[in-house]
Amino acid sequence: MLSGLRTIVYPAPDLAASKAWFSEVLGAAPYFDQPFYVGFEVGGYELGLDPSGSIEDGAVTYWGVDNADSALAELLSAGAPPHTPVRDVGEGIRLASVREPGGAILGIIENPHFKLS
């Protein structure tokens, strides 16, 4: 079901400061830069900044899946409590998340645009 790491999204309540810091650290500007999300491409993977993200929840790592609905159903049937339902974030990219047994958030992402180089 989980086909590999794809994305990590950091909460960024001060989006401008986080964007400037990661741009300097990575030596590159974001490829996607909107008030609701900033995305950097790093070695074929996504580093995201979410101004609405929860500092208490921390960063969320998203694992690639072929189908977000069936993957979420499988995780829930394995006993994982839901965190966020499947939602479309644009361009066919669909996300969801659960809590794993230790309480951390496990995200899943269905991204038809993702290709390993």
PDB file of N, CA and C in Angstrom:
ATOM      1  N   MET A   1       0.828  -1.196   0.000  1.00  0.00           N
ATOM      2  CA  MET A   1       0.000   0.000   0.000  1.00  0.00           C
ATOM      3  C   MET A   1       0.871   1.258   0.000  1.00  0.00           C
ATOM      4  N   LEU A   2       1.818   1.391   0.940  1.00  0.00           N
ATOM      5  CA  LEU A   2       2.698   2.564   0.965  1.00  0.00           C
ATOM      6  C   LEU A   2       3.831   2.327  -0.026  1.00  0.00           C
ATOM      7  N   SER A   3       3.969   3.229  -1.001  1.00  0.00           N
ATOM      8  CA  SER A   3       4.937   3.005  -2.079  1.00  0.00           C
ATOM      9  C   SER A   3       6.188   3.870  -1.975  1.00  0.00           C
ATOM     10  N   GLY A   4       6.405   4.510  -0.845  1.00  0.00           N
ATOM     11  CA  GLY A   4       7.620   5.295  -0.662  1.00  0.00           C
ATOM     12  C   GLY A   4       7.320   6.692  -0.180  1.00  0.00           C
ATOM     13  N   LEU A   5       8.317   7.310   0.388  1.00  0.00           N
ATOM     14  CA  LEU A   5       8.168   8.678   0.871  1.00  0.00           C
ATOM     15  C   LEU A   5       7.980   9.634  -0.298  1.00  0.00           C
ATOM     16  N   ARG A   6       7.160  10.660  -0.091  1.00  0.00           N
ATOM     17  CA  ARG A   6       6.916  11.636  -1.150  1.00  0.00           C
ATOM     18  C   ARG A   6       7.114  13.078  -0.690  1.00  0.00           C
ATOM     19  N   THR A   7       6.520  13.415   0.467  1.00  0.00           N
ATOM     20  CA  THR A   7       6.417  14.816   0.859  1.00  0.00           C
ATOM     21  C   THR A   7       6.509  14.948   2.369  1.00  0.00           C
ATOM     22  N   ILE A   8       7.146  16.009   2.829  1.00  0.00           N
ATOM     23  CA  ILE A   8       7.064  16.386   4.236  1.00  0.00           C
ATOM     24  C   ILE A   8       6.578  17.832   4.269  1.00  0.00           C
ATOM     25  N   VAL A   9       5.588  18.074   5.134  1.00  0.00           N
ATOM     26  CA  VAL A   9       5.005  19.414   5.236  1.00  0.00           C
ATOM     27  C   VAL A   9       5.209  19.918   6.662  1.00  0.00           C
ATOM     28  N   TYR A  10       5.902  21.048   6.753  1.00  0.00           N
ATOM     29  CA  TYR A  10       6.153  21.694   8.035  1.00  0.00           C
ATOM     30  C   TYR A  10       5.104  22.771   8.290  1.00  0.00           C
ATOM     31  N   PRO A  11       4.618  22.870   9.521  1.00  0.00           N
ATOM     32  CA  PRO A  11       3.760  24.009   9.851  1.00  0.00           C
ATOM     33  C   PRO A  11       4.608  25.281   9.775  1.00  0.00           C
ATOM     34  N   ALA A  12       4.041  26.342   9.231  1.00  0.00           N
ATOM     35  CA  ALA A  12       4.793  27.578   9.031  1.00  0.00           C
ATOM     36  C   ALA A  12       3.901  28.782   9.343  1.00  0.00           C
ATOM     37  N   PRO A  13       3.641  29.033  10.646  1.00  0.00           N
ATOM     38  CA  PRO A  13       2.771  30.154  10.987  1.00  0.00           C
ATOM     39  C   PRO A  13       3.310  31.500  10.498  1.00  0.00           C
ATOM     40  N   ASP A  14       4.641  31.648  10.430  1.00  0.00           N
ATOM     41  CA  ASP A  14       5.259  32.826   9.814  1.00  0.00           C
ATOM     42  C   ASP A  14       5.810  32.362   8.468  1.00  0.00           C
ATOM     43  N   LEU A  15       4.917  32.288   7.485  1.00  0.00           N
ATOM     44  CA  LEU A  15       5.256  31.723   6.189  1.00  0.00           C
ATOM     45  C   LEU A  15       6.426  32.454   5.525  1.00  0.00           C
ATOM     46  N   ALA A  16       6.447  33.774   5.610  1.00  0.00           N
ATOM     47  CA  ALA A  16       7.523  34.540   4.972  1.00  0.00           C
ATOM     48  C   ALA A  16       8.882  34.179   5.567  1.00  0.00           C
ATOM     49  N   ALA A  17       8.949  34.077   6.887  1.00  0.00           N
ATOM     50  CA  ALA A  17      10.219  33.739   7.546  1.00  0.00           C
ATOM     51  C   ALA A  17      10.650  32.324   7.197  1.00  0.00           C
ATOM     52  N   SER A  18       9.707  31.380   7.221  1.00  0.00           N
ATOM     53  CA  SER A  18      10.041  29.991   6.884  1.00  0.00           C
ATOM     54  C   SER A  18      10.481  29.885   5.431  1.00  0.00           C
ATOM     55  N   LYS A  19       9.775  30.554   4.531  1.00  0.00           N
ATOM     56  CA  LYS A  19      10.127  30.511   3.113  1.00  0.00           C
ATOM     57  C   LYS A  19      11.519  31.080   2.886  1.00  0.00           C
ATOM     58  N   ALA A  20      11.837  32.205   3.518  1.00  0.00           N
ATOM     59  CA  ALA A  20      13.164  32.812   3.367  1.00  0.00           C
ATOM     60  C   ALA A  20      14.245  31.880   3.908  1.00  0.00           C
ATOM     61  N   TRP A  21      13.987  31.269   5.067  1.00  0.00           N
ATOM     62  CA  TRP A  21      14.979  30.398   5.683  1.00  0.00           C
ATOM     63  C   TRP A  21      15.239  29.168   4.827  1.00  0.00           C
ATOM     64  N   PHE A  22      14.170  28.481   4.392  1.00  0.00           N
ATOM     65  CA  PHE A  22      14.362  27.288   3.566  1.00  0.00           C
ATOM     66  C   PHE A  22      14.969  27.641   2.210  1.00  0.00           C
ATOM     67  N   SER A  23      14.633  28.790   1.636  1.00  0.00           N
ATOM     68  CA  SER A  23      15.244  29.208   0.373  1.00  0.00           C
ATOM     69  C   SER A  23      16.750  29.343   0.534  1.00  0.00           C
ATOM     70  N   GLU A  24      17.181  29.916   1.655  1.00  0.00           N
ATOM     71  CA  GLU A  24      18.616  30.068   1.917  1.00  0.00           C
ATOM     72  C   GLU A  24      19.269  28.708   2.165  1.00  0.00           C
ATOM     73  N   VAL A  25      18.665  27.898   3.011  1.00  0.00           N
ATOM     74  CA  VAL A  25      19.232  26.590   3.345  1.00  0.00           C
ATOM     75  C   VAL A  25      19.318  25.688   2.117  1.00  0.00           C
ATOM     76  N   LEU A  26      18.282  25.697   1.289  1.00  0.00           N
ATOM     77  CA  LEU A  26      18.243  24.834   0.110  1.00  0.00           C
ATOM     78  C   LEU A  26      18.966  25.437  -1.088  1.00  0.00           C
ATOM     79  N   GLY A  27      19.223  26.748  -1.043  1.00  0.00           N
ATOM     80  CA  GLY A  27      19.875  27.414  -2.159  1.00  0.00           C
ATOM     81  C   GLY A  27      18.992  27.512  -3.384  1.00  0.00           C
ATOM     82  N   ALA A  28      17.680  27.526  -3.159  1.00  0.00           N
ATOM     83  CA  ALA A  28      16.743  27.583  -4.283  1.00  0.00           C
ATOM     84  C   ALA A  28      15.432  28.218  -3.829  1.00  0.00           C
ATOM     85  N   ALA A  29      14.786  28.874  -4.778  1.00  0.00           N
ATOM     86  CA  ALA A  29      13.465  29.441  -4.516  1.00  0.00           C
ATOM     87  C   ALA A  29      12.424  28.333  -4.607  1.00  0.00           C
ATOM     88  N   PRO A  30      11.267  28.526  -3.977  1.00  0.00           N
ATOM     89  CA  PRO A  30      10.206  27.522  -4.104  1.00  0.00           C
ATOM     90  C   PRO A  30       9.700  27.449  -5.542  1.00  0.00           C
ATOM     91  N   TYR A  31       9.252  26.282  -5.951  1.00  0.00           N
ATOM     92  CA  TYR A  31       8.654  26.143  -7.281  1.00  0.00           C
ATOM     93  C   TYR A  31       7.165  26.484  -7.236  1.00  0.00           C
ATOM     94  N   PHE A  32       6.577  26.432  -6.030  1.00  0.00           N
ATOM     95  CA  PHE A  32       5.168  26.772  -5.832  1.00  0.00           C
ATOM     96  C   PHE A  32       5.108  27.726  -4.657  1.00  0.00           C
ATOM     97  N   ASP A  33       4.518  28.897  -4.869  1.00  0.00           N
ATOM     98  CA  ASP A  33       4.551  29.932  -3.836  1.00  0.00           C
ATOM     99  C   ASP A  33       3.215  30.670  -3.798  1.00  0.00           C
ATOM    100  N   GLN A  34       2.366  30.242  -2.870  1.00  0.00           N
ATOM    101  CA  GLN A  34       1.054  30.855  -2.684  1.00  0.00           C
ATOM    102  C   GLN A  34       0.859  31.152  -1.200  1.00  0.00           C
ATOM    103  N   PRO A  35      -0.062  32.036  -0.844  1.00  0.00           N
ATOM    104  CA  PRO A  35      -0.291  32.349   0.565  1.00  0.00           C
ATOM    105  C   PRO A  35      -0.750  31.147   1.399  1.00  0.00           C
ATOM    106  N   PHE A  36      -1.318  30.126   0.750  1.00  0.00           N
ATOM    107  CA  PHE A  36      -1.830  28.963   1.475  1.00  0.00           C
ATOM    108  C   PHE A  36      -0.851  27.793   1.513  1.00  0.00           C
ATOM    109  N   TYR A  37       0.254  27.846   0.731  1.00  0.00           N
ATOM    110  CA  TYR A  37       1.216  26.742   0.693  1.00  0.00           C
ATOM    111  C   TYR A  37       2.427  27.165  -0.122  1.00  0.00           C
ATOM    112  N   VAL A  38       3.607  26.766   0.351  1.00  0.00           N
ATOM    113  CA  VAL A  38       4.844  26.985  -0.387  1.00  0.00           C
ATOM    114  C   VAL A  38       5.513  25.623  -0.542  1.00  0.00           C
ATOM    115  N   GLY A  39       5.936  25.315  -1.772  1.00  0.00           N
ATOM    116  CA  GLY A  39       6.550  24.017  -2.032  1.00  0.00           C
ATOM    117  C   GLY A  39       7.917  24.143  -2.678  1.00  0.00           C
ATOM    118  N   PHE A  40       8.857  23.352  -2.176  1.00  0.00           N
ATOM    119  CA  PHE A  40      10.206  23.263  -2.733  1.00  0.00           C
ATOM    120  C   PHE A  40      10.408  21.856  -3.273  1.00  0.00           C
ATOM    121  N   GLU A  41      11.115  21.731  -4.391  1.00  0.00           N
ATOM    122  CA  GLU A  41      11.517  20.431  -4.911  1.00  0.00           C
ATOM    123  C   GLU A  41      12.920  20.175  -4.368  1.00  0.00           C
ATOM    124  N   VAL A  42      13.084  19.040  -3.686  1.00  0.00           N
ATOM    125  CA  VAL A  42      14.378  18.696  -3.099  1.00  0.00           C
ATOM    126  C   VAL A  42      14.700  17.253  -3.481  1.00  0.00           C
ATOM    127  N   GLY A  43      15.583  17.086  -4.438  1.00  0.00           N
ATOM    128  CA  GLY A  43      16.007  15.745  -4.835  1.00  0.00           C
ATOM    129  C   GLY A  43      14.881  14.862  -5.315  1.00  0.00           C
ATOM    130  N   GLY A  44      13.881  15.444  -5.961  1.00  0.00           N
ATOM    131  CA  GLY A  44      12.758  14.668  -6.474  1.00  0.00           C
ATOM    132  C   GLY A  44      11.603  14.531  -5.502  1.00  0.00           C
ATOM    133  N   TYR A  45      11.726  15.140  -4.335  1.00  0.00           N
ATOM    134  CA  TYR A  45      10.680  15.065  -3.321  1.00  0.00           C
ATOM    135  C   TYR A  45      10.202  16.474  -2.992  1.00  0.00           C
ATOM    136  N   GLU A  46       9.129  16.552  -2.230  1.00  0.00           N
ATOM    137  CA  GLU A  46       8.521  17.830  -1.887  1.00  0.00           C
ATOM    138  C   GLU A  46       8.778  18.197  -0.431  1.00  0.00           C
ATOM    139  N   LEU A  47       9.225  19.414  -0.205  1.00  0.00           N
ATOM    140  CA  LEU A  47       9.275  19.994   1.129  1.00  0.00           C
ATOM    141  C   LEU A  47       8.253  21.119   1.102  1.00  0.00           C
ATOM    142  N   GLY A  48       7.209  20.989   1.910  1.00  0.00           N
ATOM    143  CA  GLY A  48       6.126  21.959   1.906  1.00  0.00           C
ATOM    144  C   GLY A  48       6.075  22.760   3.184  1.00  0.00           C
ATOM    145  N   LEU A  49       5.543  23.962   3.064  1.00  0.00           N
ATOM    146  CA  LEU A  49       5.310  24.857   4.204  1.00  0.00           C
ATOM    147  C   LEU A  49       3.831  25.214   4.226  1.00  0.00           C
ATOM    148  N   ASP A  50       3.190  24.952   5.363  1.00  0.00           N
ATOM    149  CA  ASP A  50       1.753  25.172   5.488  1.00  0.00           C
ATOM    150  C   ASP A  50       1.478  26.198   6.587  1.00  0.00           C
ATOM    151  N   PRO A  51       1.019  27.394   6.216  1.00  0.00           N
ATOM    152  CA  PRO A  51       0.751  28.417   7.234  1.00  0.00           C
ATOM    153  C   PRO A  51      -0.411  28.048   8.153  1.00  0.00           C
ATOM    154  N   SER A  52      -1.237  27.089   7.748  1.00  0.00           N
ATOM    155  CA  SER A  52      -2.350  26.638   8.584  1.00  0.00           C
ATOM    156  C   SER A  52      -2.000  25.380   9.369  1.00  0.00           C
ATOM    157  N   GLY A  53      -0.786  24.879   9.200  1.00  0.00           N
ATOM    158  CA  GLY A  53      -0.373  23.661   9.889  1.00  0.00           C
ATOM    159  C   GLY A  53      -0.280  23.868  11.392  1.00  0.00           C
ATOM    160  N   SER A  54      -0.453  22.791  12.122  1.00  0.00           N
ATOM    161  CA  SER A  54      -0.451  22.830  13.583  1.00  0.00           C
ATOM    162  C   SER A  54       0.955  22.591  14.140  1.00  0.00           C
ATOM    163  N   ILE A  55       1.464  23.556  14.876  1.00  0.00           N
ATOM    164  CA  ILE A  55       2.758  23.403  15.538  1.00  0.00           C
ATOM    165  C   ILE A  55       2.700  22.223  16.508  1.00  0.00           C
ATOM    166  N   GLU A  56       1.574  22.053  17.175  1.00  0.00           N
ATOM    167  CA  GLU A  56       1.427  20.944  18.128  1.00  0.00           C
ATOM    168  C   GLU A  56       1.532  19.588  17.431  1.00  0.00           C
ATOM    169  N   ASP A  57       0.960  19.475  16.216  1.00  0.00           N
ATOM    170  CA  ASP A  57       1.039  18.224  15.472  1.00  0.00           C
ATOM    171  C   ASP A  57       2.415  18.033  14.854  1.00  0.00           C
ATOM    172  N   GLY A  58       3.107  19.114  14.588  1.00  0.00           N
ATOM    173  CA  GLY A  58       4.437  19.035  13.977  1.00  0.00           C
ATOM    174  C   GLY A  58       4.367  18.774  12.489  1.00  0.00           C
ATOM    175  N   ALA A  59       5.510  18.408  11.938  1.00  0.00           N
ATOM    176  CA  ALA A  59       5.596  18.114  10.507  1.00  0.00           C
ATOM    177  C   ALA A  59       4.840  16.833  10.208  1.00  0.00           C
ATOM    178  N   VAL A  60       4.268  16.771   9.009  1.00  0.00           N
ATOM    179  CA  VAL A  60       3.558  15.571   8.569  1.00  0.00           C
ATOM    180  C   VAL A  60       4.292  15.011   7.353  1.00  0.00           C
ATOM    181  N   THR A  61       4.635  13.739   7.435  1.00  0.00           N
ATOM    182  CA  THR A  61       5.268  13.045   6.328  1.00  0.00           C
ATOM    183  C   THR A  61       4.194  12.295   5.559  1.00  0.00           C
ATOM    184  N   TYR A  62       4.210  12.462   4.249  1.00  0.00           N
ATOM    185  CA  TYR A  62       3.225  11.813   3.383  1.00  0.00           C
ATOM    186  C   TYR A  62       3.891  10.691   2.598  1.00  0.00           C
ATOM    187  N   TRP A  63       3.272   9.518   2.670  1.00  0.00           N
ATOM    188  CA  TRP A  63       3.710   8.340   1.932  1.00  0.00           C
ATOM    189  C   TRP A  63       2.874   8.225   0.670  1.00  0.00           C
ATOM    190  N   GLY A  64       3.511   7.887  -0.436  1.00  0.00           N
ATOM    191  CA  GLY A  64       2.803   7.726  -1.696  1.00  0.00           C
ATOM    192  C   GLY A  64       1.895   6.515  -1.696  1.00  0.00           C
ATOM    193  N   VAL A  65       0.725   6.673  -2.279  1.00  0.00           N
ATOM    194  CA  VAL A  65      -0.232   5.574  -2.475  1.00  0.00           C
ATOM    195  C   VAL A  65      -0.839   5.722  -3.863  1.00  0.00           C
ATOM    196  N   ASP A  66      -1.324   4.602  -4.399  1.00  0.00           N
ATOM    197  CA  ASP A  66      -1.972   4.637  -5.715  1.00  0.00           C
ATOM    198  C   ASP A  66      -3.384   5.200  -5.637  1.00  0.00           C
ATOM    199  N   ASN A  67      -4.073   4.936  -4.518  1.00  0.00           N
ATOM    200  CA  ASN A  67      -5.453   5.378  -4.367  1.00  0.00           C
ATOM    201  C   ASN A  67      -5.676   5.802  -2.915  1.00  0.00           C
ATOM    202  N   ALA A  68      -5.897   7.080  -2.698  1.00  0.00           N
ATOM    203  CA  ALA A  68      -6.024   7.601  -1.329  1.00  0.00           C
ATOM    204  C   ALA A  68      -7.235   7.030  -0.605  1.00  0.00           C
ATOM    205  N   ASP A  69      -8.334   6.835  -1.302  1.00  0.00           N
ATOM    206  CA  ASP A  69      -9.536   6.308  -0.645  1.00  0.00           C
ATOM    207  C   ASP A  69      -9.310   4.899  -0.110  1.00  0.00           C
ATOM    208  N   SER A  70      -8.777   4.018  -0.958  1.00  0.00           N
ATOM    209  CA  SER A  70      -8.577   2.637  -0.512  1.00  0.00           C
ATOM    210  C   SER A  70      -7.460   2.546   0.520  1.00  0.00           C
ATOM    211  N   ALA A  71      -6.413   3.351   0.384  1.00  0.00           N
ATOM    212  CA  ALA A  71      -5.329   3.331   1.363  1.00  0.00           C
ATOM    213  C   ALA A  71      -5.832   3.811   2.727  1.00  0.00           C
ATOM    214  N   LEU A  72      -6.633   4.873   2.737  1.00  0.00           N
ATOM    215  CA  LEU A  72      -7.184   5.355   4.001  1.00  0.00           C
ATOM    216  C   LEU A  72      -8.077   4.287   4.625  1.00  0.00           C
ATOM    217  N   ALA A  73      -8.914   3.655   3.828  1.00  0.00           N
ATOM    218  CA  ALA A  73      -9.790   2.604   4.349  1.00  0.00           C
ATOM    219  C   ALA A  73      -8.971   1.462   4.949  1.00  0.00           C
ATOM    220  N   GLU A  74      -7.882   1.108   4.307  1.00  0.00           N
ATOM    221  CA  GLU A  74      -7.022   0.040   4.808  1.00  0.00           C
ATOM    222  C   GLU A  74      -6.365   0.431   6.141  1.00  0.00           C
ATOM    223  N   LEU A  75      -5.900   1.666   6.240  1.00  0.00           N
ATOM    224  CA  LEU A  75      -5.281   2.133   7.488  1.00  0.00           C
ATOM    225  C   LEU A  75      -6.306   2.185   8.622  1.00  0.00           C
ATOM    226  N   LEU A  76      -7.502   2.646   8.313  1.00  0.00           N
ATOM    227  CA  LEU A  76      -8.561   2.699   9.329  1.00  0.00           C
ATOM    228  C   LEU A  76      -8.961   1.292   9.771  1.00  0.00           C
ATOM    229  N   SER A  77      -9.047   0.367   8.818  1.00  0.00           N
ATOM    230  CA  SER A  77      -9.421  -1.006   9.184  1.00  0.00           C
ATOM    231  C   SER A  77      -8.324  -1.686   9.991  1.00  0.00           C
ATOM    232  N   ALA A  78      -7.089  -1.184   9.891  1.00  0.00           N
ATOM    233  CA  ALA A  78      -5.987  -1.719  10.694  1.00  0.00           C
ATOM    234  C   ALA A  78      -5.976  -1.110  12.098  1.00  0.00           C
ATOM    235  N   GLY A  79      -6.947  -0.220  12.374  1.00  0.00           N
ATOM    236  CA  GLY A  79      -7.087   0.337  13.718  1.00  0.00           C
ATOM    237  C   GLY A  79      -6.547   1.736  13.910  1.00  0.00           C
ATOM    238  N   ALA A  80      -6.077   2.378  12.844  1.00  0.00           N
ATOM    239  CA  ALA A  80      -5.559   3.738  12.980  1.00  0.00           C
ATOM    240  C   ALA A  80      -6.711   4.730  13.142  1.00  0.00           C
ATOM    241  N   PRO A  81      -6.657   5.595  14.154  1.00  0.00           N
ATOM    242  CA  PRO A  81      -7.682   6.634  14.264  1.00  0.00           C
ATOM    243  C   PRO A  81      -7.527   7.664  13.132  1.00  0.00           C
ATOM    244  N   PRO A  82      -8.633   8.137  12.575  1.00  0.00           N
ATOM    245  CA  PRO A  82      -8.537   9.133  11.502  1.00  0.00           C
ATOM    246  C   PRO A  82      -7.995  10.455  12.024  1.00  0.00           C
ATOM    247  N   HIS A  83      -7.280  11.156  11.153  1.00  0.00           N
ATOM    248  CA  HIS A  83      -6.824  12.519  11.465  1.00  0.00           C
ATOM    249  C   HIS A  83      -7.468  13.501  10.503  1.00  0.00           C
ATOM    250  N   THR A  84      -7.290  13.304   9.194  1.00  0.00           N
ATOM    251  CA  THR A  84      -7.975  14.123   8.185  1.00  0.00           C
ATOM    252  C   THR A  84      -8.541  13.202   7.102  1.00  0.00           C
ATOM    253  N   PRO A  85      -9.717  13.520   6.574  1.00  0.00           N
ATOM    254  CA  PRO A  85     -10.289  12.701   5.505  1.00  0.00           C
ATOM    255  C   PRO A  85      -9.561  12.969   4.183  1.00  0.00           C
ATOM    256  N   VAL A  86      -9.853  12.155   3.189  1.00  0.00           N
ATOM    257  CA  VAL A  86      -9.294  12.387   1.856  1.00  0.00           C
ATOM    258  C   VAL A  86      -9.807  13.726   1.353  1.00  0.00           C
ATOM    259  N   ARG A  87      -8.886  14.535   0.842  1.00  0.00           N
ATOM    260  CA  ARG A  87      -9.264  15.828   0.266  1.00  0.00           C
ATOM    261  C   ARG A  87      -8.399  16.102  -0.954  1.00  0.00           C
ATOM    262  N   ASP A  88      -8.994  16.735  -1.937  1.00  0.00           N
ATOM    263  CA  ASP A  88      -8.299  17.114  -3.161  1.00  0.00           C
ATOM    264  C   ASP A  88      -7.678  18.484  -2.933  1.00  0.00           C
ATOM    265  N   VAL A  89      -6.366  18.581  -3.137  1.00  0.00           N
ATOM    266  CA  VAL A  89      -5.683  19.863  -2.938  1.00  0.00           C
ATOM    267  C   VAL A  89      -5.314  20.521  -4.263  1.00  0.00           C
ATOM    268  N   GLY A  90      -5.834  19.973  -5.361  1.00  0.00           N
ATOM    269  CA  GLY A  90      -5.631  20.560  -6.682  1.00  0.00           C
ATOM    270  C   GLY A  90      -4.789  19.678  -7.584  1.00  0.00           C
ATOM    271  N   GLU A  91      -5.044  19.791  -8.868  1.00  0.00           N
ATOM    272  CA  GLU A  91      -4.302  19.092  -9.909  1.00  0.00           C
ATOM    273  C   GLU A  91      -4.289  17.578  -9.716  1.00  0.00           C
ATOM    274  N   GLY A  92      -5.367  17.036  -9.134  1.00  0.00           N
ATOM    275  CA  GLY A  92      -5.476  15.595  -8.952  1.00  0.00           C
ATOM    276  C   GLY A  92      -4.720  15.037  -7.768  1.00  0.00           C
ATOM    277  N   ILE A  93      -4.133  15.900  -6.960  1.00  0.00           N
ATOM    278  CA  ILE A  93      -3.385  15.461  -5.781  1.00  0.00           C
ATOM    279  C   ILE A  93      -4.357  15.335  -4.616  1.00  0.00           C
ATOM    280  N   ARG A  94      -4.349  14.166  -3.974  1.00  0.00           N
ATOM    281  CA  ARG A  94      -5.290  13.884  -2.896  1.00  0.00           C
ATOM    282  C   ARG A  94      -4.527  13.432  -1.656  1.00  0.00           C
ATOM    283  N   LEU A  95      -4.906  13.989  -0.507  1.00  0.00           N
ATOM    284  CA  LEU A  95      -4.239  13.727   0.763  1.00  0.00           C
ATOM    285  C   LEU A  95      -5.223  13.213   1.798  1.00  0.00           C
ATOM    286  N   ALA A  96      -4.681  12.492   2.780  1.00  0.00           N
ATOM    287  CA  ALA A  96      -5.436  12.090   3.974  1.00  0.00           C
ATOM    288  C   ALA A  96      -4.399  11.765   5.040  1.00  0.00           C
ATOM    289  N   SER A  97      -4.853  11.623   6.288  1.00  0.00           N
ATOM    290  CA  SER A  97      -3.911  11.239   7.341  1.00  0.00           C
ATOM    291  C   SER A  97      -4.638  10.520   8.471  1.00  0.00           C
ATOM    292  N   VAL A  98      -3.850   9.734   9.197  1.00  0.00           N
ATOM    293  CA  VAL A  98      -4.320   8.992  10.360  1.00  0.00           C
ATOM    294  C   VAL A  98      -3.295   9.193  11.479  1.00  0.00           C
ATOM    295  N   ARG A  99      -3.659   8.718  12.664  1.00  0.00           N
ATOM    296  CA  ARG A  99      -2.698   8.662  13.770  1.00  0.00           C
ATOM    297  C   ARG A  99      -2.185   7.230  13.850  1.00  0.00           C
ATOM    298  N   GLU A 100      -0.879   7.080  13.884  1.00  0.00           N
ATOM    299  CA  GLU A 100      -0.324   5.737  14.052  1.00  0.00           C
ATOM    300  C   GLU A 100      -0.347   5.400  15.542  1.00  0.00           C
ATOM    301  N   PRO A 101      -0.059   4.154  15.949  1.00  0.00           N
ATOM    302  CA  PRO A 101      -0.223   3.749  17.351  1.00  0.00           C
ATOM    303  C   PRO A 101       0.523   4.615  18.374  1.00  0.00           C
ATOM    304  N   GLY A 102       1.627   5.211  17.978  1.00  0.00           N
ATOM    305  CA  GLY A 102       2.363   6.074  18.896  1.00  0.00           C
ATOM    306  C   GLY A 102       1.800   7.477  19.006  1.00  0.00           C
ATOM    307  N   GLY A 103       0.783   7.786  18.195  1.00  0.00           N
ATOM    308  CA  GLY A 103       0.140   9.090  18.253  1.00  0.00           C
ATOM    309  C   GLY A 103       0.595  10.062  17.180  1.00  0.00           C
ATOM    310  N   ALA A 104       1.664   9.732  16.463  1.00  0.00           N
ATOM    311  CA  ALA A 104       2.142  10.617  15.402  1.00  0.00           C
ATOM    312  C   ALA A 104       1.204  10.551  14.199  1.00  0.00           C
ATOM    313  N   ILE A 105       1.269  11.573  13.374  1.00  0.00           N
ATOM    314  CA  ILE A 105       0.436  11.629  12.175  1.00  0.00           C
ATOM    315  C   ILE A 105       1.162  10.940  11.024  1.00  0.00           C
ATOM    316  N   LEU A 106       0.454  10.058  10.333  1.00  0.00           N
ATOM    317  CA  LEU A 106       0.950   9.399   9.133  1.00  0.00           C
ATOM    318  C   LEU A 106       0.087   9.888   7.982  1.00  0.00           C
ATOM    319  N   GLY A 107       0.703  10.585   7.037  1.00  0.00           N
ATOM    320  CA  GLY A 107      -0.026  11.094   5.883  1.00  0.00           C
ATOM    321  C   GLY A 107       0.126  10.189   4.685  1.00  0.00           C
ATOM    322  N   ILE A 108      -0.890  10.210   3.823  1.00  0.00           N
ATOM    323  CA  ILE A 108      -0.821   9.513   2.541  1.00  0.00           C
ATOM    324  C   ILE A 108      -1.127  10.527   1.439  1.00  0.00           C
ATOM    325  N   ILE A 109      -0.482  10.320   0.289  1.00  0.00           N
ATOM    326  CA  ILE A 109      -0.672  11.228  -0.841  1.00  0.00           C
ATOM    327  C   ILE A 109      -0.796  10.426  -2.133  1.00  0.00           C
ATOM    328  N   GLU A 110      -1.833  10.722  -2.866  1.00  0.00           N
ATOM    329  CA  GLU A 110      -2.042  10.198  -4.217  1.00  0.00           C
ATOM    330  C   GLU A 110      -1.683  11.345  -5.149  1.00  0.00           C
ATOM    331  N   ASN A 111      -0.555  11.216  -5.838  1.00  0.00           N
ATOM    332  CA  ASN A 111      -0.079  12.302  -6.681  1.00  0.00           C
ATOM    333  C   ASN A 111       0.233  11.765  -8.079  1.00  0.00           C
ATOM    334  N   PRO A 112      -0.669  11.994  -9.040  1.00  0.00           N
ATOM    335  CA  PRO A 112      -0.453  11.466 -10.376  1.00  0.00           C
ATOM    336  C   PRO A 112       0.725  12.106 -11.098  1.00  0.00           C
ATOM    337  N   HIS A 113       1.269  13.202 -10.563  1.00  0.00           N
ATOM    338  CA  HIS A 113       2.386  13.898 -11.203  1.00  0.00           C
ATOM    339  C   HIS A 113       3.747  13.436 -10.696  1.00  0.00           C
ATOM    340  N   PHE A 114       3.779  12.674  -9.604  1.00  0.00           N
ATOM    341  CA  PHE A 114       5.034  12.287  -8.994  1.00  0.00           C
ATOM    342  C   PHE A 114       5.736  11.224  -9.830  1.00  0.00           C
ATOM    343  N   LYS A 115       6.979  11.486 -10.169  1.00  0.00           N
ATOM    344  CA  LYS A 115       7.814  10.516 -10.882  1.00  0.00           C
ATOM    345  C   LYS A 115       9.204  10.558 -10.271  1.00  0.00           C
ATOM    346  N   LEU A 116       9.702   9.398  -9.850  1.00  0.00           N
ATOM    347  CA  LEU A 116      11.082   9.331  -9.374  1.00  0.00           C
ATOM    348  C   LEU A 116      12.013   9.518 -10.570  1.00  0.00           C
ATOM    349  N   SER A 117      13.081  10.292 -10.358  1.00  0.00           N
ATOM    350  CA  SER A 117      14.025  10.491 -11.465  1.00  0.00           C
ATOM    351  C   SER A 117      14.997   9.342 -11.565  1.00  0.00           C
TER     352      SER A 117
END
